[in-house]
Amino acid sequence: MLIVSDGKDLFVITGAGEVLTPKHDIAAMGSGGNYALAGGRAMMTDGNLTVE
C-alpha cells in the first residue's frame, strides 16, 4: 500500500492497483497506523490540540 498526495488530494493505492479515497481526508498505515489515525482524527475534530 502507498499513501500519495499532491497537497490538495489524498489517495491510498493498494497492492492490487486500486485507488482509494480515505475517510475524513486522513490516512495511516503500518504497525502504529491505528494510533496515528486516531491522533489525526482528534486533531481534525478539536482545533485546540497541538502536536505536543
N, C-alpha and C. Protein backbone atom coordinates (compact mmCIF):
# COMPACT_ATOMS: atom_id res chain seq x y z
N MET A 1 0.84 -1.18 0.00
CA MET A 1 0.00 0.00 0.00
C MET A 1 0.88 1.24 0.00
N LEU A 2 0.30 2.31 -0.54
CA LEU A 2 1.04 3.55 -0.69
C LEU A 2 0.08 4.71 -0.46
N ILE A 3 0.49 5.67 0.37
CA ILE A 3 -0.29 6.89 0.57
C ILE A 3 0.33 7.97 -0.29
N VAL A 4 -0.47 8.61 -1.14
CA VAL A 4 0.03 9.67 -2.02
C VAL A 4 -0.83 10.92 -1.89
N SER A 5 -0.19 12.06 -2.08
CA SER A 5 -0.90 13.34 -2.01
C SER A 5 -0.16 14.36 -2.85
N ASP A 6 -0.93 15.28 -3.42
CA ASP A 6 -0.32 16.40 -4.14
C ASP A 6 -0.51 17.70 -3.35
N GLY A 7 -0.89 17.58 -2.09
CA GLY A 7 -1.15 18.75 -1.26
C GLY A 7 -2.60 19.16 -1.28
N LYS A 8 -3.34 18.70 -2.25
CA LYS A 8 -4.76 19.01 -2.36
C LYS A 8 -5.60 17.76 -2.16
N ASP A 9 -5.24 16.69 -2.83
CA ASP A 9 -5.97 15.43 -2.77
C ASP A 9 -5.12 14.36 -2.08
N LEU A 10 -5.78 13.40 -1.43
CA LEU A 10 -5.11 12.33 -0.72
C LEU A 10 -5.69 11.01 -1.19
N PHE A 11 -4.82 10.06 -1.52
CA PHE A 11 -5.25 8.76 -2.01
C PHE A 11 -4.42 7.65 -1.38
N VAL A 12 -5.01 6.47 -1.29
CA VAL A 12 -4.29 5.26 -0.89
C VAL A 12 -4.33 4.33 -2.08
N ILE A 13 -3.16 3.86 -2.51
CA ILE A 13 -3.07 2.92 -3.62
C ILE A 13 -2.74 1.55 -3.05
N THR A 14 -3.57 0.57 -3.34
CA THR A 14 -3.38 -0.77 -2.81
C THR A 14 -2.41 -1.56 -3.68
N GLY A 15 -1.99 -2.71 -3.18
CA GLY A 15 -1.10 -3.58 -3.95
C GLY A 15 -1.75 -4.13 -5.20
N ALA A 16 -3.09 -4.13 -5.24
CA ALA A 16 -3.82 -4.61 -6.41
C ALA A 16 -4.06 -3.49 -7.43
N GLY A 17 -3.59 -2.26 -7.10
CA GLY A 17 -3.74 -1.14 -8.01
C GLY A 17 -5.01 -0.33 -7.83
N GLU A 18 -5.79 -0.64 -6.81
CA GLU A 18 -7.00 0.14 -6.55
C GLU A 18 -6.60 1.49 -5.94
N VAL A 19 -7.30 2.53 -6.33
CA VAL A 19 -7.06 3.87 -5.79
C VAL A 19 -8.25 4.21 -4.88
N LEU A 20 -7.96 4.43 -3.60
CA LEU A 20 -8.99 4.68 -2.61
C LEU A 20 -8.86 6.09 -2.06
N THR A 21 -10.00 6.69 -1.71
CA THR A 21 -10.02 7.98 -1.03
C THR A 21 -10.33 7.72 0.43
N PRO A 22 -9.42 8.08 1.34
CA PRO A 22 -9.66 7.79 2.76
C PRO A 22 -10.78 8.63 3.35
N LYS A 23 -11.45 8.06 4.35
CA LYS A 23 -12.49 8.78 5.07
C LYS A 23 -11.89 9.96 5.82
N HIS A 24 -12.60 11.05 5.86
CA HIS A 24 -12.23 12.24 6.63
C HIS A 24 -10.89 12.83 6.20
N ASP A 25 -10.41 12.49 5.01
CA ASP A 25 -9.14 13.01 4.48
C ASP A 25 -7.95 12.74 5.41
N ILE A 26 -7.96 11.57 6.07
CA ILE A 26 -6.87 11.16 6.94
C ILE A 26 -6.49 9.73 6.57
N ALA A 27 -5.20 9.47 6.38
CA ALA A 27 -4.74 8.13 6.05
C ALA A 27 -3.55 7.77 6.92
N ALA A 28 -3.48 6.49 7.30
CA ALA A 28 -2.35 5.99 8.09
C ALA A 28 -2.21 4.51 7.79
N MET A 29 -0.98 4.00 7.93
CA MET A 29 -0.76 2.57 7.75
C MET A 29 0.45 2.15 8.56
N GLY A 30 0.65 0.88 8.64
CA GLY A 30 1.79 0.35 9.38
C GLY A 30 1.38 -0.15 10.75
N SER A 31 2.37 -0.57 11.53
CA SER A 31 2.09 -1.17 12.83
C SER A 31 1.46 -0.17 13.80
N GLY A 32 1.75 1.10 13.67
CA GLY A 32 1.15 2.13 14.52
C GLY A 32 0.08 2.93 13.81
N GLY A 33 -0.40 2.41 12.69
CA GLY A 33 -1.36 3.14 11.87
C GLY A 33 -2.64 3.51 12.58
N ASN A 34 -3.15 2.60 13.40
CA ASN A 34 -4.41 2.90 14.10
C ASN A 34 -4.23 4.03 15.11
N TYR A 35 -3.05 4.08 15.76
CA TYR A 35 -2.78 5.18 16.70
C TYR A 35 -2.63 6.50 15.94
N ALA A 36 -1.94 6.46 14.82
CA ALA A 36 -1.75 7.67 14.01
C ALA A 36 -3.09 8.16 13.46
N LEU A 37 -3.94 7.22 13.04
CA LEU A 37 -5.26 7.58 12.53
C LEU A 37 -6.12 8.21 13.62
N ALA A 38 -6.09 7.64 14.83
CA ALA A 38 -6.85 8.21 15.95
C ALA A 38 -6.34 9.60 16.30
N GLY A 39 -5.04 9.79 16.30
CA GLY A 39 -4.48 11.11 16.58
C GLY A 39 -4.84 12.12 15.52
N GLY A 40 -4.81 11.71 14.26
CA GLY A 40 -5.19 12.59 13.17
C GLY A 40 -6.65 13.01 13.24
N ARG A 41 -7.51 12.05 13.58
CA ARG A 41 -8.93 12.38 13.71
C ARG A 41 -9.16 13.34 14.87
N ALA A 42 -8.46 13.13 15.96
CA ALA A 42 -8.60 14.04 17.11
C ALA A 42 -8.13 15.44 16.75
N MET A 43 -7.03 15.53 16.01
CA MET A 43 -6.51 16.85 15.59
C MET A 43 -7.49 17.56 14.67
N MET A 44 -8.18 16.81 13.80
CA MET A 44 -9.13 17.42 12.87
C MET A 44 -10.42 17.83 13.59
N THR A 45 -10.78 17.12 14.66
CA THR A 45 -12.03 17.39 15.36
C THR A 45 -11.93 18.57 16.31
N ASP A 46 -10.84 18.64 17.06
CA ASP A 46 -10.67 19.67 18.07
C ASP A 46 -9.54 20.59 17.64
N GLY A 47 -9.85 21.80 17.26
CA GLY A 47 -8.86 22.75 16.77
C GLY A 47 -7.90 23.28 17.82
N ASN A 48 -8.16 22.97 19.10
CA ASN A 48 -7.31 23.47 20.19
C ASN A 48 -6.14 22.55 20.53
N LEU A 49 -6.05 21.38 19.89
CA LEU A 49 -4.97 20.45 20.18
C LEU A 49 -3.70 20.86 19.45
N THR A 50 -2.56 20.58 20.06
CA THR A 50 -1.27 20.82 19.43
C THR A 50 -0.56 19.49 19.21
N VAL A 51 0.49 19.50 18.44
CA VAL A 51 1.24 18.29 18.16
C VAL A 51 1.95 17.80 19.43
N GLU A 52 2.30 18.70 20.29
CA GLU A 52 2.98 18.34 21.54
C GLU A 52 2.02 17.62 22.40
